[in-house]
Amino acid sequence: MTQDTVQDRGWRGSRELWLDAAYDVLVEKGIDAVKIMPLASALKLSRTSFYWFFKDRKQLLDGLLQRWETTTTHHLVRATTEFAATETEAMLNVISSFLSDTDFDSRLELAVRSWAQQDPEVQDRLQRADGERLTALRALLETWGHSPIDADVRARAIYLVQLGYISTRVREDIDERLARFPHYVEIYTGKRPPEHEMARFKAKIGYTAAKPG
């Protein structure tokens, strides 16, 4: 069945379809390009179909921000509370959450940070998210015995390094990045994860070393 046939029968898409289309435009072109008519054209749907799922453009943008919070802040906060037998394992849980967009949507994070530069309400929401993330990181470090000031500084180091990766669009292959993990963990916690812990961690994320040649 062709798209045109489905449309002729009154198909209007779905809320998620419109949000997915808006997401793609946001991360590729920025917030100014997220407009109802171009989205409708791209989806081969009528403009009126949009209003079955959203009151207006603002409600669509709110949906994008909710998706951003779910795929970034919620993932990171959850990582700080995952079970860990040691502090180094706990830190591996945290920094591994940035390994893929499945765990932390770095493309959406970058797009929202750009959006926030021109929208005070989004800037406020972003600052609240920054605060929530840092609070979770501080709490994790204090759980493992760091003083409040030490936990604060270490939390900022962790967080700002990851934001740097995102904002500068660093591209590393998985072998290169994992080779740095023990050093990052040592900087963040004062302890280096032992080899058996790194091996268990790599197995957890499904990593398989490339065979030579």
C-alpha atoms as a PDB file:
ATOM      1  CA  MET A   1       0.000   0.000   0.000  1.00  0.00           C
ATOM      2  CA  THR A   2       1.450   3.341  -1.002  1.00  0.00           C
ATOM      3  CA  GLN A   3       1.745   6.369   1.238  1.00  0.00           C
ATOM      4  CA  ASP A   4      -0.709   8.261  -0.983  1.00  0.00           C
ATOM      5  CA  THR A   5      -3.299   5.462  -0.677  1.00  0.00           C
ATOM      6  CA  VAL A   6      -2.985   5.490   3.126  1.00  0.00           C
ATOM      7  CA  GLN A   7      -3.335   9.258   3.172  1.00  0.00           C
ATOM      8  CA  ASP A   8      -6.422   9.104   0.937  1.00  0.00           C
ATOM      9  CA  ARG A   9      -8.058   6.853   3.509  1.00  0.00           C
ATOM     10  CA  GLY A  10      -7.652   9.514   6.161  1.00  0.00           C
ATOM     11  CA  TRP A  11      -4.411   8.390   7.803  1.00  0.00           C
ATOM     12  CA  ARG A  12      -3.020  11.232   9.902  1.00  0.00           C
ATOM     13  CA  GLY A  13       0.124   9.642  11.207  1.00  0.00           C
ATOM     14  CA  SER A  14       0.661   9.458  14.950  1.00  0.00           C
ATOM     15  CA  ARG A  15       2.029  11.600  17.718  1.00  0.00           C
ATOM     16  CA  GLU A  16       5.306   9.671  17.655  1.00  0.00           C
ATOM     17  CA  LEU A  17       5.605   9.994  13.884  1.00  0.00           C
ATOM     18  CA  TRP A  18       5.305  13.781  14.089  1.00  0.00           C
ATOM     19  CA  LEU A  19       7.729  13.887  17.010  1.00  0.00           C
ATOM     20  CA  ASP A  20      10.241  11.698  15.175  1.00  0.00           C
ATOM     21  CA  ALA A  21      10.082  13.989  12.153  1.00  0.00           C
ATOM     22  CA  ALA A  22      10.499  17.075  14.347  1.00  0.00           C
ATOM     23  CA  TYR A  23      13.411  15.403  16.138  1.00  0.00           C
ATOM     24  CA  ASP A  24      15.194  14.720  12.833  1.00  0.00           C
ATOM     25  CA  VAL A  25      14.819  18.348  11.757  1.00  0.00           C
ATOM     26  CA  LEU A  26      15.903  19.681  15.145  1.00  0.00           C
ATOM     27  CA  VAL A  27      19.147  17.699  15.318  1.00  0.00           C
ATOM     28  CA  GLU A  28      19.996  18.313  11.649  1.00  0.00           C
ATOM     29  CA  LYS A  29      18.915  21.919  11.093  1.00  0.00           C
ATOM     30  CA  GLY A  30      18.093  23.525  14.441  1.00  0.00           C
ATOM     31  CA  ILE A  31      14.971  24.770  16.166  1.00  0.00           C
ATOM     32  CA  ASP A  32      14.101  27.468  13.602  1.00  0.00           C
ATOM     33  CA  ALA A  33      13.552  24.761  10.984  1.00  0.00           C
ATOM     34  CA  VAL A  34      11.001  22.867  13.088  1.00  0.00           C
ATOM     35  CA  LYS A  35       7.793  24.138  11.510  1.00  0.00           C
ATOM     36  CA  ILE A  36       4.450  22.484  10.954  1.00  0.00           C
ATOM     37  CA  MET A  37       4.041  22.893   7.185  1.00  0.00           C
ATOM     38  CA  PRO A  38       7.500  21.595   6.220  1.00  0.00           C
ATOM     39  CA  LEU A  39       6.995  18.631   8.570  1.00  0.00           C
ATOM     40  CA  ALA A  40       3.647  17.877   6.975  1.00  0.00           C
ATOM     41  CA  SER A  41       5.204  18.039   3.507  1.00  0.00           C
ATOM     42  CA  ALA A  42       8.045  15.728   4.521  1.00  0.00           C
ATOM     43  CA  LEU A  43       5.550  13.236   5.966  1.00  0.00           C
ATOM     44  CA  LYS A  44       3.171  13.613   2.998  1.00  0.00           C
ATOM     45  CA  LEU A  45       0.390  14.492   5.388  1.00  0.00           C
ATOM     46  CA  SER A  46      -1.976  17.437   5.552  1.00  0.00           C
ATOM     47  CA  ARG A  47      -1.271  20.340   7.866  1.00  0.00           C
ATOM     48  CA  THR A  48      -4.574  19.680   9.624  1.00  0.00           C
ATOM     49  CA  SER A  49      -3.361  16.157  10.522  1.00  0.00           C
ATOM     50  CA  PHE A  50      -0.873  17.770  12.890  1.00  0.00           C
ATOM     51  CA  TYR A  51      -3.681  19.210  15.021  1.00  0.00           C
ATOM     52  CA  TRP A  52      -5.071  15.777  15.812  1.00  0.00           C
ATOM     53  CA  PHE A  53      -2.026  15.237  18.021  1.00  0.00           C
ATOM     54  CA  PHE A  54      -0.823  18.692  19.063  1.00  0.00           C
ATOM     55  CA  LYS A  55      -2.614  21.884  20.002  1.00  0.00           C
ATOM     56  CA  ASP A  56       0.068  24.014  18.365  1.00  0.00           C
ATOM     57  CA  ARG A  57       3.784  24.194  17.576  1.00  0.00           C
ATOM     58  CA  LYS A  58       4.617  24.960  21.198  1.00  0.00           C
ATOM     59  CA  GLN A  59       3.090  21.662  22.295  1.00  0.00           C
ATOM     60  CA  LEU A  60       5.209  19.869  19.704  1.00  0.00           C
ATOM     61  CA  LEU A  61       8.318  21.603  21.031  1.00  0.00           C
ATOM     62  CA  ASP A  62       7.343  20.646  24.580  1.00  0.00           C
ATOM     63  CA  GLY A  63       7.189  17.056  23.371  1.00  0.00           C
ATOM     64  CA  LEU A  64      10.719  17.344  22.020  1.00  0.00           C
ATOM     65  CA  LEU A  65      11.934  18.700  25.346  1.00  0.00           C
ATOM     66  CA  GLN A  66      10.256  15.843  27.195  1.00  0.00           C
ATOM     67  CA  ARG A  67      12.016  13.404  24.867  1.00  0.00           C
ATOM     68  CA  TRP A  68      15.304  15.189  25.551  1.00  0.00           C
ATOM     69  CA  GLU A  69      14.866  14.871  29.317  1.00  0.00           C
ATOM     70  CA  THR A  70      13.970  11.192  29.027  1.00  0.00           C
ATOM     71  CA  THR A  71      16.899  10.307  26.762  1.00  0.00           C
ATOM     72  CA  THR A  72      19.540  12.339  28.595  1.00  0.00           C
ATOM     73  CA  THR A  73      18.885  13.388  32.192  1.00  0.00           C
ATOM     74  CA  HIS A  74      16.827  10.349  33.161  1.00  0.00           C
ATOM     75  CA  HIS A  75      19.409   7.955  31.710  1.00  0.00           C
ATOM     76  CA  LEU A  76      22.306   9.649  33.482  1.00  0.00           C
ATOM     77  CA  VAL A  77      20.538   9.865  36.842  1.00  0.00           C
ATOM     78  CA  ARG A  78      19.576   6.206  36.595  1.00  0.00           C
ATOM     79  CA  ALA A  79      23.192   5.272  35.850  1.00  0.00           C
ATOM     80  CA  THR A  80      24.282   6.881  39.127  1.00  0.00           C
ATOM     81  CA  THR A  81      22.011   4.506  41.056  1.00  0.00           C
ATOM     82  CA  GLU A  82      22.881   1.248  39.288  1.00  0.00           C
ATOM     83  CA  PHE A  83      24.240  -1.515  41.491  1.00  0.00           C
ATOM     84  CA  ALA A  84      28.024  -1.487  41.887  1.00  0.00           C
ATOM     85  CA  ALA A  85      30.259  -3.470  44.218  1.00  0.00           C
ATOM     86  CA  THR A  86      33.003  -0.817  44.149  1.00  0.00           C
ATOM     87  CA  GLU A  87      33.333   2.895  43.530  1.00  0.00           C
ATOM     88  CA  THR A  88      35.255   2.273  40.312  1.00  0.00           C
ATOM     89  CA  GLU A  89      32.490   0.018  39.039  1.00  0.00           C
ATOM     90  CA  ALA A  90      29.957   2.704  39.933  1.00  0.00           C
ATOM     91  CA  MET A  91      31.932   5.234  37.916  1.00  0.00           C
ATOM     92  CA  LEU A  92      32.172   2.872  34.956  1.00  0.00           C
ATOM     93  CA  ASN A  93      28.380   2.664  35.027  1.00  0.00           C
ATOM     94  CA  VAL A  94      28.187   6.449  34.831  1.00  0.00           C
ATOM     95  CA  ILE A  95      30.666   7.160  32.064  1.00  0.00           C
ATOM     96  CA  SER A  96      29.451   4.224  29.999  1.00  0.00           C
ATOM     97  CA  SER A  97      26.065   5.931  29.812  1.00  0.00           C
ATOM     98  CA  PHE A  98      27.659   8.356  27.347  1.00  0.00           C
ATOM     99  CA  LEU A  99      28.920   5.637  25.010  1.00  0.00           C
ATOM    100  CA  SER A 100      25.932   5.629  22.669  1.00  0.00           C
ATOM    101  CA  ASP A 101      22.872   7.686  21.808  1.00  0.00           C
ATOM    102  CA  THR A 102      20.770   4.778  23.023  1.00  0.00           C
ATOM    103  CA  ASP A 103      21.849   5.637  26.578  1.00  0.00           C
ATOM    104  CA  PHE A 104      22.443   9.383  26.258  1.00  0.00           C
ATOM    105  CA  ASP A 105      21.234  11.176  23.140  1.00  0.00           C
ATOM    106  CA  SER A 106      24.192  13.459  22.491  1.00  0.00           C
ATOM    107  CA  ARG A 107      22.774  14.783  19.205  1.00  0.00           C
ATOM    108  CA  LEU A 108      19.606  15.921  20.933  1.00  0.00           C
ATOM    109  CA  GLU A 109      21.614  17.318  23.851  1.00  0.00           C
ATOM    110  CA  LEU A 110      23.668  19.444  21.470  1.00  0.00           C
ATOM    111  CA  ALA A 111      20.565  20.634  19.617  1.00  0.00           C
ATOM    112  CA  VAL A 112      18.806  21.624  22.842  1.00  0.00           C
ATOM    113  CA  ARG A 113      21.871  23.506  24.071  1.00  0.00           C
ATOM    114  CA  SER A 114      21.906  25.457  20.824  1.00  0.00           C
ATOM    115  CA  TRP A 115      18.161  26.069  21.104  1.00  0.00           C
ATOM    116  CA  ALA A 116      18.582  27.346  24.662  1.00  0.00           C
ATOM    117  CA  GLN A 117      20.828  30.160  23.447  1.00  0.00           C
ATOM    118  CA  GLN A 118      17.821  31.850  21.866  1.00  0.00           C
ATOM    119  CA  ASP A 119      15.017  30.792  24.204  1.00  0.00           C
ATOM    120  CA  PRO A 120      15.141  31.821  27.891  1.00  0.00           C
ATOM    121  CA  GLU A 121      12.547  29.211  28.907  1.00  0.00           C
ATOM    122  CA  VAL A 122      14.589  26.425  27.349  1.00  0.00           C
ATOM    123  CA  GLN A 123      17.705  27.872  28.963  1.00  0.00           C
ATOM    124  CA  ASP A 124      16.008  27.686  32.367  1.00  0.00           C
ATOM    125  CA  ARG A 125      14.987  24.098  31.713  1.00  0.00           C
ATOM    126  CA  LEU A 126      18.522  23.236  30.624  1.00  0.00           C
ATOM    127  CA  GLN A 127      19.994  24.764  33.756  1.00  0.00           C
ATOM    128  CA  ARG A 128      17.598  22.731  35.895  1.00  0.00           C
ATOM    129  CA  ALA A 129      18.726  19.606  34.065  1.00  0.00           C
ATOM    130  CA  ASP A 130      22.383  20.516  34.616  1.00  0.00           C
ATOM    131  CA  GLY A 131      21.631  20.926  38.311  1.00  0.00           C
ATOM    132  CA  GLU A 132      19.787  17.607  38.534  1.00  0.00           C
ATOM    133  CA  ARG A 133      22.614  15.760  36.801  1.00  0.00           C
ATOM    134  CA  LEU A 134      25.308  17.306  38.982  1.00  0.00           C
ATOM    135  CA  THR A 135      23.282  16.572  42.122  1.00  0.00           C
ATOM    136  CA  ALA A 136      23.078  12.905  41.130  1.00  0.00           C
ATOM    137  CA  LEU A 137      26.827  12.723  40.471  1.00  0.00           C
ATOM    138  CA  ARG A 138      27.643  14.420  43.788  1.00  0.00           C
ATOM    139  CA  ALA A 139      25.340  12.038  45.649  1.00  0.00           C
ATOM    140  CA  LEU A 140      27.060   9.055  44.050  1.00  0.00           C
ATOM    141  CA  LEU A 141      30.502  10.278  45.073  1.00  0.00           C
ATOM    142  CA  GLU A 142      29.406  11.138  48.603  1.00  0.00           C
ATOM    143  CA  THR A 143      27.956   7.630  48.920  1.00  0.00           C
ATOM    144  CA  TRP A 144      31.465   6.327  48.347  1.00  0.00           C
ATOM    145  CA  GLY A 145      32.979   8.526  51.035  1.00  0.00           C
ATOM    146  CA  HIS A 146      33.969  11.755  49.312  1.00  0.00           C
ATOM    147  CA  SER A 147      33.478  14.970  51.251  1.00  0.00           C
ATOM    148  CA  PRO A 148      30.830  17.372  49.871  1.00  0.00           C
ATOM    149  CA  ILE A 149      33.394  19.777  48.368  1.00  0.00           C
ATOM    150  CA  ASP A 150      35.479  16.958  46.920  1.00  0.00           C
ATOM    151  CA  ALA A 151      32.362  15.312  45.491  1.00  0.00           C
ATOM    152  CA  ASP A 152      31.272  18.631  43.986  1.00  0.00           C
ATOM    153  CA  VAL A 153      34.577  19.222  42.200  1.00  0.00           C
ATOM    154  CA  ARG A 154      34.808  15.642  40.946  1.00  0.00           C
ATOM    155  CA  ALA A 155      31.175  15.731  39.762  1.00  0.00           C
ATOM    156  CA  ARG A 156      31.889  18.889  37.784  1.00  0.00           C
ATOM    157  CA  ALA A 157      34.974  17.328  36.245  1.00  0.00           C
ATOM    158  CA  ILE A 158      32.981  14.289  35.142  1.00  0.00           C
ATOM    159  CA  TYR A 159      30.121  16.327  33.768  1.00  0.00           C
ATOM    160  CA  LEU A 160      32.098  19.041  32.028  1.00  0.00           C
ATOM    161  CA  VAL A 161      34.353  16.515  30.304  1.00  0.00           C
ATOM    162  CA  GLN A 162      31.306  14.755  28.901  1.00  0.00           C
ATOM    163  CA  LEU A 163      29.773  18.057  27.770  1.00  0.00           C
ATOM    164  CA  GLY A 164      33.076  18.810  26.092  1.00  0.00           C
ATOM    165  CA  TYR A 165      32.888  15.530  24.187  1.00  0.00           C
ATOM    166  CA  ILE A 166      29.397  16.470  23.031  1.00  0.00           C
ATOM    167  CA  SER A 167      29.985  20.126  22.163  1.00  0.00           C
ATOM    168  CA  THR A 168      33.189  19.460  20.228  1.00  0.00           C
ATOM    169  CA  ARG A 169      31.662  16.391  18.551  1.00  0.00           C
ATOM    170  CA  VAL A 170      34.586  14.165  19.416  1.00  0.00           C
ATOM    171  CA  ARG A 171      34.729  10.984  17.351  1.00  0.00           C
ATOM    172  CA  GLU A 172      36.621   8.048  18.850  1.00  0.00           C
ATOM    173  CA  ASP A 173      36.417   4.408  17.933  1.00  0.00           C
ATOM    174  CA  ILE A 174      35.358   2.139  20.779  1.00  0.00           C
ATOM    175  CA  ASP A 175      38.843   0.677  21.330  1.00  0.00           C
ATOM    176  CA  GLU A 176      40.368   4.124  21.722  1.00  0.00           C
ATOM    177  CA  ARG A 177      37.690   5.295  24.105  1.00  0.00           C
ATOM    178  CA  LEU A 178      37.709   2.189  26.288  1.00  0.00           C
ATOM    179  CA  ALA A 179      41.490   2.412  26.586  1.00  0.00           C
ATOM    180  CA  ARG A 180      40.983   5.784  28.280  1.00  0.00           C
ATOM    181  CA  PHE A 181      38.261   4.605  30.658  1.00  0.00           C
ATOM    182  CA  PRO A 182      40.558   3.358  33.465  1.00  0.00           C
ATOM    183  CA  HIS A 183      42.392   6.703  33.436  1.00  0.00           C
ATOM    184  CA  TYR A 184      39.176   8.698  33.503  1.00  0.00           C
ATOM    185  CA  VAL A 185      37.880   6.592  36.379  1.00  0.00           C
ATOM    186  CA  GLU A 186      41.106   7.210  38.298  1.00  0.00           C
ATOM    187  CA  ILE A 187      40.839  10.963  37.744  1.00  0.00           C
ATOM    188  CA  TYR A 188      37.197  11.005  38.825  1.00  0.00           C
ATOM    189  CA  THR A 189      37.466   8.734  41.866  1.00  0.00           C
ATOM    190  CA  GLY A 190      41.145   8.582  42.820  1.00  0.00           C
ATOM    191  CA  LYS A 191      41.162   4.842  42.100  1.00  0.00           C
ATOM    192  CA  ARG A 192      41.892   2.830  38.979  1.00  0.00           C
ATOM    193  CA  PRO A 193      39.577  -0.088  38.121  1.00  0.00           C
ATOM    194  CA  PRO A 194      41.392  -3.451  38.224  1.00  0.00           C
ATOM    195  CA  GLU A 195      41.727  -5.526  35.062  1.00  0.00           C
ATOM    196  CA  HIS A 196      39.056  -8.036  36.068  1.00  0.00           C
ATOM    197  CA  GLU A 197      36.590  -5.185  36.619  1.00  0.00           C
ATOM    198  CA  MET A 198      37.318  -3.722  33.197  1.00  0.00           C
ATOM    199  CA  ALA A 199      36.907  -7.179  31.653  1.00  0.00           C
ATOM    200  CA  ARG A 200      33.525  -7.598  33.357  1.00  0.00           C
ATOM    201  CA  PHE A 201      32.508  -4.115  32.265  1.00  0.00           C
ATOM    202  CA  LYS A 202      33.441  -4.785  28.622  1.00  0.00           C
ATOM    203  CA  ALA A 203      31.425  -7.991  28.694  1.00  0.00           C
ATOM    204  CA  LYS A 204      28.481  -6.074  30.131  1.00  0.00           C
ATOM    205  CA  ILE A 205      28.414  -3.628  27.224  1.00  0.00           C
ATOM    206  CA  GLY A 206      28.941  -6.411  24.689  1.00  0.00           C
ATOM    207  CA  TYR A 207      32.401  -5.296  23.633  1.00  0.00           C
ATOM    208  CA  THR A 208      34.526  -7.706  21.601  1.00  0.00           C
ATOM    209  CA  ALA A 209      38.081  -6.730  20.744  1.00  0.00           C
ATOM    210  CA  ALA A 210      38.841  -6.631  17.037  1.00  0.00           C
ATOM    211  CA  LYS A 211      41.010  -9.479  15.866  1.00  0.00           C
ATOM    212  CA  PRO A 212      44.426  -8.407  14.557  1.00  0.00           C
ATOM    213  CA  GLY A 213      44.892  -8.479  10.819  1.00  0.00           C
END
